[in-house]
Amino acid sequence: MAGAIKGLNEEQGNVVSRFGLKLVYGSTLVSVLSASIAALVL
């Protein structure tokens, strides 16, 4: 997906891949956080 966009427009592709990476990092962080909170509560 990011590769296809990068082929069209290099700068736009870089922005999209960086945004996707941030999204993945964010969701992973949230998952870890909620897991540790659940562990503390339980």
N, C-alpha and C. Protein backbone atom coordinates (compact mmCIF):
# COMPACT_ATOMS: atom_id res chain seq x y z
N MET A 1 0.85 -1.20 0.00
CA MET A 1 0.00 0.00 0.00
C MET A 1 0.88 1.25 0.00
N ALA A 2 1.74 1.35 1.00
CA ALA A 2 2.62 2.52 1.10
C ALA A 2 3.54 2.59 -0.10
N GLY A 3 3.95 1.40 -0.60
CA GLY A 3 4.84 1.35 -1.76
C GLY A 3 4.16 1.90 -2.99
N ALA A 4 2.87 1.58 -3.16
CA ALA A 4 2.12 2.06 -4.32
C ALA A 4 2.00 3.57 -4.27
N ILE A 5 1.73 4.11 -3.09
CA ILE A 5 1.59 5.56 -2.93
C ILE A 5 2.94 6.23 -3.15
N LYS A 6 4.00 5.58 -2.67
CA LYS A 6 5.35 6.13 -2.80
C LYS A 6 5.73 6.24 -4.27
N GLY A 7 5.25 5.26 -5.08
CA GLY A 7 5.53 5.29 -6.50
C GLY A 7 4.90 6.50 -7.16
N LEU A 8 3.72 6.88 -6.70
CA LEU A 8 3.01 8.02 -7.26
C LEU A 8 3.69 9.33 -6.86
N ASN A 9 3.96 9.46 -5.57
CA ASN A 9 4.52 10.71 -5.07
C ASN A 9 5.42 10.41 -3.88
N GLU A 10 6.71 10.59 -4.07
CA GLU A 10 7.70 10.22 -3.05
C GLU A 10 7.41 10.85 -1.69
N GLU A 11 7.21 12.17 -1.68
CA GLU A 11 7.01 12.87 -0.41
C GLU A 11 5.73 12.40 0.27
N GLN A 12 4.65 12.29 -0.53
CA GLN A 12 3.37 11.84 0.02
C GLN A 12 3.51 10.43 0.59
N GLY A 13 4.25 9.57 -0.12
CA GLY A 13 4.45 8.20 0.34
C GLY A 13 5.17 8.17 1.68
N ASN A 14 6.18 9.02 1.83
CA ASN A 14 6.92 9.07 3.09
C ASN A 14 6.01 9.49 4.24
N VAL A 15 5.16 10.47 3.98
CA VAL A 15 4.23 10.95 5.01
C VAL A 15 3.28 9.83 5.42
N VAL A 16 2.76 9.12 4.41
CA VAL A 16 1.80 8.04 4.67
C VAL A 16 2.45 6.92 5.48
N SER A 17 3.67 6.52 5.09
CA SER A 17 4.33 5.42 5.81
C SER A 17 4.68 5.83 7.23
N ARG A 18 5.07 7.09 7.42
CA ARG A 18 5.39 7.57 8.76
C ARG A 18 4.13 7.58 9.62
N PHE A 19 3.00 8.01 9.01
CA PHE A 19 1.74 8.06 9.72
C PHE A 19 1.30 6.65 10.11
N GLY A 20 1.47 5.70 9.18
CA GLY A 20 1.10 4.31 9.46
C GLY A 20 1.92 3.74 10.60
N LEU A 21 3.22 4.07 10.61
CA LEU A 21 4.11 3.59 11.66
C LEU A 21 3.67 4.15 13.01
N LYS A 22 3.32 5.45 13.01
CA LYS A 22 2.88 6.10 14.24
C LYS A 22 1.60 5.43 14.75
N LEU A 23 0.72 5.08 13.80
CA LEU A 23 -0.55 4.44 14.14
C LEU A 23 -0.29 3.09 14.81
N VAL A 24 0.64 2.32 14.22
CA VAL A 24 0.97 1.00 14.76
C VAL A 24 1.58 1.14 16.15
N TYR A 25 2.54 2.07 16.29
CA TYR A 25 3.17 2.30 17.59
C TYR A 25 2.13 2.71 18.63
N GLY A 26 1.25 3.62 18.24
CA GLY A 26 0.22 4.11 19.15
C GLY A 26 -0.70 3.01 19.64
N SER A 27 -1.17 2.17 18.70
CA SER A 27 -2.09 1.11 19.09
C SER A 27 -1.39 0.08 19.96
N THR A 28 -0.12 -0.20 19.67
CA THR A 28 0.65 -1.14 20.47
C THR A 28 0.81 -0.60 21.89
N LEU A 29 1.12 0.68 21.99
CA LEU A 29 1.30 1.32 23.29
C LEU A 29 0.01 1.27 24.09
N VAL A 30 -1.11 1.56 23.44
CA VAL A 30 -2.41 1.54 24.11
C VAL A 30 -2.74 0.13 24.59
N SER A 31 -2.45 -0.87 23.74
CA SER A 31 -2.72 -2.26 24.12
C SER A 31 -1.91 -2.64 25.36
N VAL A 32 -0.63 -2.30 25.36
CA VAL A 32 0.24 -2.62 26.49
C VAL A 32 -0.24 -1.90 27.74
N LEU A 33 -0.61 -0.65 27.58
CA LEU A 33 -1.07 0.14 28.72
C LEU A 33 -2.34 -0.44 29.33
N SER A 34 -3.33 -0.73 28.47
CA SER A 34 -4.60 -1.26 28.98
C SER A 34 -4.39 -2.64 29.58
N ALA A 35 -3.45 -3.41 29.03
CA ALA A 35 -3.16 -4.74 29.57
C ALA A 35 -2.58 -4.62 30.97
N SER A 36 -1.66 -3.68 31.17
CA SER A 36 -1.04 -3.52 32.49
C SER A 36 -2.05 -2.96 33.49
N ILE A 37 -2.94 -2.09 33.04
CA ILE A 37 -3.98 -1.55 33.93
C ILE A 37 -4.93 -2.67 34.34
N ALA A 38 -5.31 -3.52 33.37
CA ALA A 38 -6.18 -4.66 33.66
C ALA A 38 -5.50 -5.61 34.64
N ALA A 39 -4.20 -5.82 34.46
CA ALA A 39 -3.45 -6.70 35.36
C ALA A 39 -3.43 -6.13 36.78
N LEU A 40 -3.30 -4.81 36.89
CA LEU A 40 -3.28 -4.17 38.21
C LEU A 40 -4.64 -4.30 38.89
N VAL A 41 -5.70 -4.09 38.11
CA VAL A 41 -7.06 -4.16 38.66
C VAL A 41 -7.39 -5.59 39.06
N LEU A 42 -7.03 -6.54 38.19
CA LEU A 42 -7.29 -7.96 38.50
C LEU A 42 -6.19 -8.46 39.41
